[in-house]
C-alpha atoms as a PDB file:
ATOM      1  CA  MET A   1       0.000   0.000   0.000  1.00  0.00           C
ATOM      2  CA  LYS A   2       1.361   3.409  -1.032  1.00  0.00           C
ATOM      3  CA  LEU A   3       1.133   6.224   1.497  1.00  0.00           C
ATOM      4  CA  ALA A   4       1.926   9.950   1.621  1.00  0.00           C
ATOM      5  CA  ILE A   5       1.628  12.436   4.468  1.00  0.00           C
ATOM      6  CA  MET A   6       1.401  16.212   4.161  1.00  0.00           C
ATOM      7  CA  GLN A   7       0.352  19.369   5.965  1.00  0.00           C
ATOM      8  CA  PRO A   8      -2.995  20.834   4.890  1.00  0.00           C
ATOM      9  CA  TYR A   9      -2.771  23.632   2.322  1.00  0.00           C
ATOM     10  CA  ILE A  10      -5.523  25.742   0.785  1.00  0.00           C
ATOM     11  CA  PHE A  11      -5.771  25.155  -2.983  1.00  0.00           C
ATOM     12  CA  PRO A  12      -2.150  23.925  -3.215  1.00  0.00           C
ATOM     13  CA  TYR A  13      -0.115  23.631  -6.409  1.00  0.00           C
ATOM     14  CA  ILE A  14      -0.455  20.750  -8.860  1.00  0.00           C
ATOM     15  CA  GLY A  15       2.366  18.754  -7.226  1.00  0.00           C
ATOM     16  CA  TYR A  16       0.272  18.294  -4.080  1.00  0.00           C
ATOM     17  CA  PHE A  17      -2.492  16.651  -6.116  1.00  0.00           C
ATOM     18  CA  GLN A  18       0.044  14.582  -8.053  1.00  0.00           C
ATOM     19  CA  LEU A  19       1.111  13.154  -4.703  1.00  0.00           C
ATOM     20  CA  ILE A  20      -2.463  12.480  -3.594  1.00  0.00           C
ATOM     21  CA  ASN A  21      -3.203  10.759  -6.879  1.00  0.00           C
ATOM     22  CA  ALA A  22      -0.041   8.620  -6.699  1.00  0.00           C
ATOM     23  CA  VAL A  23      -0.901   6.875  -3.421  1.00  0.00           C
ATOM     24  CA  ASP A  24      -3.614   4.677  -1.947  1.00  0.00           C
ATOM     25  CA  LYS A  25      -3.983   6.673   1.265  1.00  0.00           C
ATOM     26  CA  PHE A  26      -3.057  10.296   1.881  1.00  0.00           C
ATOM     27  CA  VAL A  27      -2.685  11.422   5.495  1.00  0.00           C
ATOM     28  CA  VAL A  28      -3.351  15.086   6.230  1.00  0.00           C
ATOM     29  CA  TYR A  29      -1.785  16.442   9.423  1.00  0.00           C
ATOM     30  CA  ASP A  30      -4.318  18.161  11.651  1.00  0.00           C
ATOM     31  CA  ASN A  31      -2.445  17.901  14.969  1.00  0.00           C
ATOM     32  CA  ILE A  32       0.590  19.947  13.999  1.00  0.00           C
ATOM     33  CA  GLN A  33       1.341  23.518  15.003  1.00  0.00           C
ATOM     34  CA  PHE A  34       0.046  26.217  12.697  1.00  0.00           C
ATOM     35  CA  THR A  35       2.881  28.168  11.088  1.00  0.00           C
ATOM     36  CA  LYS A  36       2.626  31.810  10.120  1.00  0.00           C
ATOM     37  CA  LYS A  37       3.686  32.913   6.652  1.00  0.00           C
ATOM     38  CA  GLY A  38       3.526  29.342   5.388  1.00  0.00           C
ATOM     39  CA  TRP A  39       1.208  27.846   2.788  1.00  0.00           C
ATOM     40  CA  ILE A  40      -1.467  26.445   5.089  1.00  0.00           C
ATOM     41  CA  ASN A  41      -3.929  29.320   4.639  1.00  0.00           C
ATOM     42  CA  ARG A  42      -2.530  31.158   1.629  1.00  0.00           C
ATOM     43  CA  ASN A  43      -1.463  30.588  -1.964  1.00  0.00           C
ATOM     44  CA  ARG A  44      -0.813  32.392  -5.233  1.00  0.00           C
ATOM     45  CA  ILE A  45      -2.986  33.140  -8.246  1.00  0.00           C
ATOM     46  CA  LEU A  46      -2.400  35.007 -11.507  1.00  0.00           C
ATOM     47  CA  ALA A  47      -3.238  38.710 -11.404  1.00  0.00           C
ATOM     48  CA  ASN A  48      -2.705  40.703 -14.590  1.00  0.00           C
ATOM     49  CA  GLY A  49       0.264  38.626 -15.646  1.00  0.00           C
ATOM     50  CA  LYS A  50       1.951  38.435 -12.235  1.00  0.00           C
ATOM     51  CA  ASP A  51       1.584  36.231  -9.174  1.00  0.00           C
ATOM     52  CA  GLU A  52      -0.455  37.552  -6.277  1.00  0.00           C
ATOM     53  CA  TYR A  53      -1.140  36.041  -2.858  1.00  0.00           C
ATOM     54  CA  PHE A  54      -4.568  35.335  -1.445  1.00  0.00           C
ATOM     55  CA  THR A  55      -5.038  34.488   2.237  1.00  0.00           C
ATOM     56  CA  ILE A  56      -7.789  32.827   4.240  1.00  0.00           C
ATOM     57  CA  PRO A  57      -7.800  34.996   7.407  1.00  0.00           C
ATOM     58  CA  ILE A  58      -7.845  33.307  10.802  1.00  0.00           C
ATOM     59  CA  LYS A  59      -8.750  34.522  14.267  1.00  0.00           C
ATOM     60  CA  LYS A  60      -5.947  35.839  16.438  1.00  0.00           C
ATOM     61  CA  ASP A  61      -4.963  33.227  18.992  1.00  0.00           C
ATOM     62  CA  SER A  62      -1.975  31.537  20.591  1.00  0.00           C
ATOM     63  CA  ASP A  63       0.896  30.867  18.201  1.00  0.00           C
ATOM     64  CA  TYR A  64       1.204  27.411  19.744  1.00  0.00           C
ATOM     65  CA  LEU A  65      -2.193  26.082  18.674  1.00  0.00           C
ATOM     66  CA  ASN A  66      -2.422  23.238  16.183  1.00  0.00           C
ATOM     67  CA  VAL A  67      -4.031  23.667  12.778  1.00  0.00           C
ATOM     68  CA  ASP A  68      -7.203  21.926  13.919  1.00  0.00           C
ATOM     69  CA  GLN A  69      -7.512  24.404  16.796  1.00  0.00           C
ATOM     70  CA  ARG A  70      -7.497  27.491  14.599  1.00  0.00           C
ATOM     71  CA  LYS A  71     -10.700  29.209  13.473  1.00  0.00           C
ATOM     72  CA  LEU A  72     -11.458  31.353  10.462  1.00  0.00           C
ATOM     73  CA  ALA A  73     -11.710  35.068  11.177  1.00  0.00           C
ATOM     74  CA  ASP A  74     -15.190  36.550  11.508  1.00  0.00           C
ATOM     75  CA  THR A  75     -14.190  39.006   8.787  1.00  0.00           C
ATOM     76  CA  PHE A  76     -13.889  36.177   6.275  1.00  0.00           C
ATOM     77  CA  LYS A  77     -17.630  36.307   5.637  1.00  0.00           C
ATOM     78  CA  THR A  78     -16.970  39.665   4.007  1.00  0.00           C
ATOM     79  CA  GLU A  79     -13.496  38.975   2.681  1.00  0.00           C
ATOM     80  CA  ARG A  80     -14.506  35.844   0.806  1.00  0.00           C
ATOM     81  CA  VAL A  81     -16.863  37.970  -1.283  1.00  0.00           C
ATOM     82  CA  LYS A  82     -13.835  40.076  -2.241  1.00  0.00           C
ATOM     83  CA  LEU A  83     -11.797  36.943  -2.975  1.00  0.00           C
ATOM     84  CA  LEU A  84     -14.476  35.634  -5.331  1.00  0.00           C
ATOM     85  CA  ARG A  85     -14.610  39.013  -7.059  1.00  0.00           C
ATOM     86  CA  ARG A  86     -10.836  38.865  -7.560  1.00  0.00           C
ATOM     87  CA  LEU A  87     -11.126  35.413  -9.097  1.00  0.00           C
ATOM     88  CA  VAL A  88     -13.786  36.687 -11.486  1.00  0.00           C
ATOM     89  CA  GLU A  89     -11.703  39.739 -12.350  1.00  0.00           C
ATOM     90  CA  PHE A  90      -8.524  37.800 -13.023  1.00  0.00           C
ATOM     91  CA  TYR A  91      -9.908  34.644 -14.627  1.00  0.00           C
ATOM     92  CA  LYS A  92     -13.244  35.483 -16.255  1.00  0.00           C
ATOM     93  CA  LYS A  93     -11.701  35.138 -19.737  1.00  0.00           C
ATOM     94  CA  ALA A  94      -9.888  31.889 -18.936  1.00  0.00           C
ATOM     95  CA  LEU A  95     -10.749  28.840 -21.024  1.00  0.00           C
ATOM     96  CA  GLU A  96     -12.376  26.830 -18.197  1.00  0.00           C
ATOM     97  CA  PHE A  97     -13.820  29.666 -16.093  1.00  0.00           C
ATOM     98  CA  ASP A  98     -17.452  28.622 -16.559  1.00  0.00           C
ATOM     99  CA  SER A  99     -16.671  25.054 -15.459  1.00  0.00           C
ATOM    100  CA  VAL A 100     -14.337  25.847 -12.568  1.00  0.00           C
ATOM    101  CA  TYR A 101     -15.770  28.976 -10.961  1.00  0.00           C
ATOM    102  CA  PRO A 102     -18.862  27.190  -9.524  1.00  0.00           C
ATOM    103  CA  LEU A 103     -16.508  24.711  -7.817  1.00  0.00           C
ATOM    104  CA  LEU A 104     -14.423  27.510  -6.293  1.00  0.00           C
ATOM    105  CA  GLU A 105     -17.509  29.461  -5.271  1.00  0.00           C
ATOM    106  CA  SER A 106     -18.912  26.427  -3.457  1.00  0.00           C
ATOM    107  CA  VAL A 107     -15.636  25.762  -1.641  1.00  0.00           C
ATOM    108  CA  ILE A 108     -14.947  29.359  -0.657  1.00  0.00           C
ATOM    109  CA  ASN A 109     -18.518  29.932   0.546  1.00  0.00           C
ATOM    110  CA  ASN A 110     -18.475  26.828   2.746  1.00  0.00           C
ATOM    111  CA  ASP A 111     -19.686  27.688   6.253  1.00  0.00           C
ATOM    112  CA  GLU A 112     -17.052  25.578   8.038  1.00  0.00           C
ATOM    113  CA  GLU A 113     -15.357  27.775  10.662  1.00  0.00           C
ATOM    114  CA  ASN A 114     -12.541  25.406  11.645  1.00  0.00           C
ATOM    115  CA  LEU A 115      -9.416  26.036   9.546  1.00  0.00           C
ATOM    116  CA  PHE A 116      -8.524  22.369   9.136  1.00  0.00           C
ATOM    117  CA  GLY A 117     -12.087  21.422   8.252  1.00  0.00           C
ATOM    118  CA  TYR A 118     -12.277  24.252   5.752  1.00  0.00           C
ATOM    119  CA  ILE A 119      -9.067  23.199   4.021  1.00  0.00           C
ATOM    120  CA  CYS A 120     -10.049  19.529   3.990  1.00  0.00           C
ATOM    121  CA  GLN A 121     -13.323  20.224   2.238  1.00  0.00           C
ATOM    122  CA  SER A 122     -11.414  22.184  -0.412  1.00  0.00           C
ATOM    123  CA  LEU A 123      -9.057  19.244  -1.021  1.00  0.00           C
ATOM    124  CA  GLU A 124     -11.969  16.830  -1.234  1.00  0.00           C
ATOM    125  CA  ALA A 125     -13.795  19.090  -3.700  1.00  0.00           C
ATOM    126  CA  VAL A 126     -10.808  19.315  -6.058  1.00  0.00           C
ATOM    127  CA  ASN A 127     -10.228  15.559  -5.759  1.00  0.00           C
ATOM    128  CA  GLU A 128     -13.826  14.915  -6.725  1.00  0.00           C
ATOM    129  CA  TYR A 129     -13.619  17.307  -9.674  1.00  0.00           C
ATOM    130  CA  LEU A 130     -10.489  15.538 -10.964  1.00  0.00           C
ATOM    131  CA  ASP A 131     -11.816  12.028 -10.180  1.00  0.00           C
ATOM    132  CA  ILE A 132      -9.017  11.343  -7.687  1.00  0.00           C
ATOM    133  CA  LYS A 133     -10.170   8.364  -5.626  1.00  0.00           C
ATOM    134  CA  THR A 134      -7.433   8.336  -2.963  1.00  0.00           C
ATOM    135  CA  GLU A 135      -8.651   8.020   0.621  1.00  0.00           C
ATOM    136  CA  LEU A 136      -7.861  11.048   2.801  1.00  0.00           C
ATOM    137  CA  VAL A 137      -6.966  10.170   6.401  1.00  0.00           C
ATOM    138  CA  VAL A 138      -6.855  12.701   9.259  1.00  0.00           C
ATOM    139  CA  SER A 139      -3.604  12.185  11.159  1.00  0.00           C
ATOM    140  CA  SER A 140      -5.093  12.420  14.662  1.00  0.00           C
ATOM    141  CA  THR A 141      -7.376   9.446  13.907  1.00  0.00           C
ATOM    142  CA  VAL A 142      -4.373   7.143  13.436  1.00  0.00           C
ATOM    143  CA  PRO A 143      -3.701   5.373  16.783  1.00  0.00           C
ATOM    144  CA  ILE A 144      -0.027   6.143  17.329  1.00  0.00           C
ATOM    145  CA  ASP A 145       1.990   8.122  19.887  1.00  0.00           C
ATOM    146  CA  HIS A 146       1.333  11.622  18.592  1.00  0.00           C
ATOM    147  CA  GLN A 147       4.185  13.034  20.644  1.00  0.00           C
ATOM    148  CA  LEU A 148       6.546  11.518  18.089  1.00  0.00           C
ATOM    149  CA  LYS A 149       8.236  13.974  15.752  1.00  0.00           C
ATOM    150  CA  SER A 150       9.387  14.131  12.129  1.00  0.00           C
ATOM    151  CA  GLN A 151      10.625  10.817  10.710  1.00  0.00           C
ATOM    152  CA  ASP A 152       9.638   8.802  13.774  1.00  0.00           C
ATOM    153  CA  LYS A 153       6.037   9.969  13.427  1.00  0.00           C
ATOM    154  CA  VAL A 154       5.965   9.235   9.698  1.00  0.00           C
ATOM    155  CA  VAL A 155       7.293   5.709  10.244  1.00  0.00           C
ATOM    156  CA  ALA A 156       4.763   5.105  13.028  1.00  0.00           C
ATOM    157  CA  ILE A 157       1.878   6.188  10.781  1.00  0.00           C
ATOM    158  CA  CYS A 158       3.169   4.025   7.942  1.00  0.00           C
ATOM    159  CA  ARG A 159       3.409   0.992  10.218  1.00  0.00           C
ATOM    160  CA  GLU A 160      -0.027   1.534  11.745  1.00  0.00           C
ATOM    161  CA  LEU A 161      -1.715   1.916   8.362  1.00  0.00           C
ATOM    162  CA  GLY A 162       0.176  -0.989   6.831  1.00  0.00           C
ATOM    163  CA  ALA A 163       2.099   0.998   4.216  1.00  0.00           C
ATOM    164  CA  SER A 164       4.708  -0.861   2.167  1.00  0.00           C
ATOM    165  CA  GLN A 165       5.779   2.295   0.321  1.00  0.00           C
ATOM    166  CA  TYR A 166       6.070   5.905   1.491  1.00  0.00           C
ATOM    167  CA  ILE A 167       6.290   8.716  -1.068  1.00  0.00           C
ATOM    168  CA  ASN A 168       7.442  12.215  -0.130  1.00  0.00           C
ATOM    169  CA  PRO A 169       8.027  15.365  -2.207  1.00  0.00           C
ATOM    170  CA  ILE A 170      11.637  15.749  -3.324  1.00  0.00           C
ATOM    171  CA  GLY A 171      12.072  18.783  -1.056  1.00  0.00           C
ATOM    172  CA  GLY A 172      12.166  16.499   1.976  1.00  0.00           C
ATOM    173  CA  ILE A 173      14.919  14.200   0.739  1.00  0.00           C
ATOM    174  CA  GLU A 174      17.328  15.337   3.482  1.00  0.00           C
ATOM    175  CA  LEU A 175      14.792  14.676   6.237  1.00  0.00           C
ATOM    176  CA  TYR A 176      14.550  10.917   5.927  1.00  0.00           C
ATOM    177  CA  SER A 177      16.842   7.915   6.247  1.00  0.00           C
ATOM    178  CA  LYS A 178      16.306   5.174   3.686  1.00  0.00           C
ATOM    179  CA  GLU A 179      17.892   2.698   6.107  1.00  0.00           C
ATOM    180  CA  THR A 180      15.339   3.499   8.823  1.00  0.00           C
ATOM    181  CA  PHE A 181      12.472   2.854   6.440  1.00  0.00           C
ATOM    182  CA  GLN A 182      14.096  -0.344   5.189  1.00  0.00           C
ATOM    183  CA  GLN A 183      14.413  -1.571   8.776  1.00  0.00           C
ATOM    184  CA  ASN A 184      10.638  -1.149   9.035  1.00  0.00           C
ATOM    185  CA  ASN A 185       9.993  -2.895   5.698  1.00  0.00           C
ATOM    186  CA  ILE A 186       8.901   0.337   4.021  1.00  0.00           C
ATOM    187  CA  GLU A 187      10.176   1.473   0.625  1.00  0.00           C
ATOM    188  CA  LEU A 188      11.055   5.186   0.644  1.00  0.00           C
ATOM    189  CA  ASN A 189      10.571   7.147  -2.585  1.00  0.00           C
ATOM    190  CA  PHE A 190      10.638  10.831  -3.523  1.00  0.00           C
ATOM    191  CA  MET A 191       8.472  12.571  -6.092  1.00  0.00           C
ATOM    192  CA  LYS A 192       9.589  15.470  -8.285  1.00  0.00           C
ATOM    193  CA  SER A 193       7.146  17.228 -10.591  1.00  0.00           C
ATOM    194  CA  ASN A 194       8.115  17.761 -14.196  1.00  0.00           C
ATOM    195  CA  SER A 195       8.015  21.303 -15.516  1.00  0.00           C
ATOM    196  CA  ILE A 196       4.412  22.075 -16.437  1.00  0.00           C
ATOM    197  CA  GLU A 197       3.634  25.026 -18.704  1.00  0.00           C
ATOM    198  CA  TYR A 198       0.413  26.153 -20.358  1.00  0.00           C
ATOM    199  CA  PRO A 199      -0.918  29.388 -21.907  1.00  0.00           C
ATOM    200  CA  GLN A 200      -1.901  32.036 -19.353  1.00  0.00           C
ATOM    201  CA  PHE A 201      -3.592  34.480 -21.712  1.00  0.00           C
ATOM    202  CA  ALA A 202      -0.789  36.215 -23.651  1.00  0.00           C
ATOM    203  CA  ASN A 203       1.485  36.627 -20.655  1.00  0.00           C
ATOM    204  CA  GLU A 204       4.876  35.175 -19.839  1.00  0.00           C
ATOM    205  CA  PHE A 205       4.193  31.942 -17.955  1.00  0.00           C
ATOM    206  CA  VAL A 206       4.188  32.118 -14.144  1.00  0.00           C
ATOM    207  CA  PRO A 207       4.881  28.600 -12.783  1.00  0.00           C
ATOM    208  CA  TRP A 208       3.672  26.700  -9.726  1.00  0.00           C
ATOM    209  CA  LEU A 209       0.654  28.795  -8.868  1.00  0.00           C
ATOM    210  CA  SER A 210      -2.346  27.429  -6.984  1.00  0.00           C
ATOM    211  CA  ILE A 211      -4.302  24.554  -8.531  1.00  0.00           C
ATOM    212  CA  ILE A 212      -6.898  27.268  -9.216  1.00  0.00           C
ATOM    213  CA  ASP A 213      -4.708  28.556 -12.037  1.00  0.00           C
ATOM    214  CA  VAL A 214      -4.182  25.112 -13.552  1.00  0.00           C
ATOM    215  CA  LEU A 215      -7.901  24.378 -13.511  1.00  0.00           C
ATOM    216  CA  MET A 216      -8.825  27.736 -15.029  1.00  0.00           C
ATOM    217  CA  PHE A 217      -6.571  27.329 -18.072  1.00  0.00           C
ATOM    218  CA  ASN A 218      -6.799  23.580 -18.672  1.00  0.00           C
ATOM    219  CA  SER A 219      -9.608  21.122 -19.295  1.00  0.00           C
ATOM    220  CA  LYS A 220     -10.264  18.467 -16.693  1.00  0.00           C
ATOM    221  CA  GLU A 221      -8.739  15.894 -19.022  1.00  0.00           C
ATOM    222  CA  LYS A 222      -5.575  17.945 -19.519  1.00  0.00           C
ATOM    223  CA  THR A 223      -5.203  18.505 -15.790  1.00  0.00           C
ATOM    224  CA  GLN A 224      -5.589  14.767 -15.233  1.00  0.00           C
ATOM    225  CA  GLU A 225      -2.678  14.291 -17.655  1.00  0.00           C
ATOM    226  CA  TYR A 226      -0.630  16.734 -15.569  1.00  0.00           C
ATOM    227  CA  LEU A 227      -1.293  14.554 -12.520  1.00  0.00           C
ATOM    228  CA  GLN A 228       0.978  11.968 -14.125  1.00  0.00           C
ATOM    229  CA  SER A 229       3.726  14.453 -15.038  1.00  0.00           C
ATOM    230  CA  TYR A 230       6.370  13.629 -12.438  1.00  0.00           C
ATOM    231  CA  TYR A 231       9.165  11.188 -11.782  1.00  0.00           C
ATOM    232  CA  THR A 232      10.041   9.166  -8.711  1.00  0.00           C
ATOM    233  CA  LEU A 233      13.467   8.763  -7.144  1.00  0.00           C
ATOM    234  CA  ILE A 234      14.036   5.392  -5.483  1.00  0.00           C
END
């Protein structure tokens, strides 16, 4: 059984969905500390030929709370209207706007107030749109010692869920020991996305934006092809 584990991100880039699609079970960390200025509650879209950040605002609280303990800001009820207007402004002439905007509108207008829950429903919605059948597993539901950290926690989750293969993005190659995984009868692999480029109106291409950008400019079938555009290091 192939397994991957990642932090939750709002509308992440195509590589995140390549990883989901490549495994049988995909564990999403909910019981990890929220990090400011990371990608958990923000990402990038195309705005007049350049990349621009959008952020899902959260309530002010302790910096030591986990992702599943954070709540969306009360102001988001107003700010999400502005976010949707920005998406219309920037993408209304995109090839797949009419197909994709209803999906984004449904996700963004979801009434879930918990940050982790809100992000999870966005991942599930994109998975459904792209016909990705991988099971999403919430990390806290896996019966392990959740005080474990880093590699030890990953190995424990793999063992508990019966994984024979663990796949991680190439950026984490220095974090893991192949020998440790071998000792636990788990094959360790790393995924690297191929360069993906497509027309973004008449502008110079801006790579690795949110999945929103990929969906807006590419048919579902083309995006499904992109899900296979990577290679694995053994």
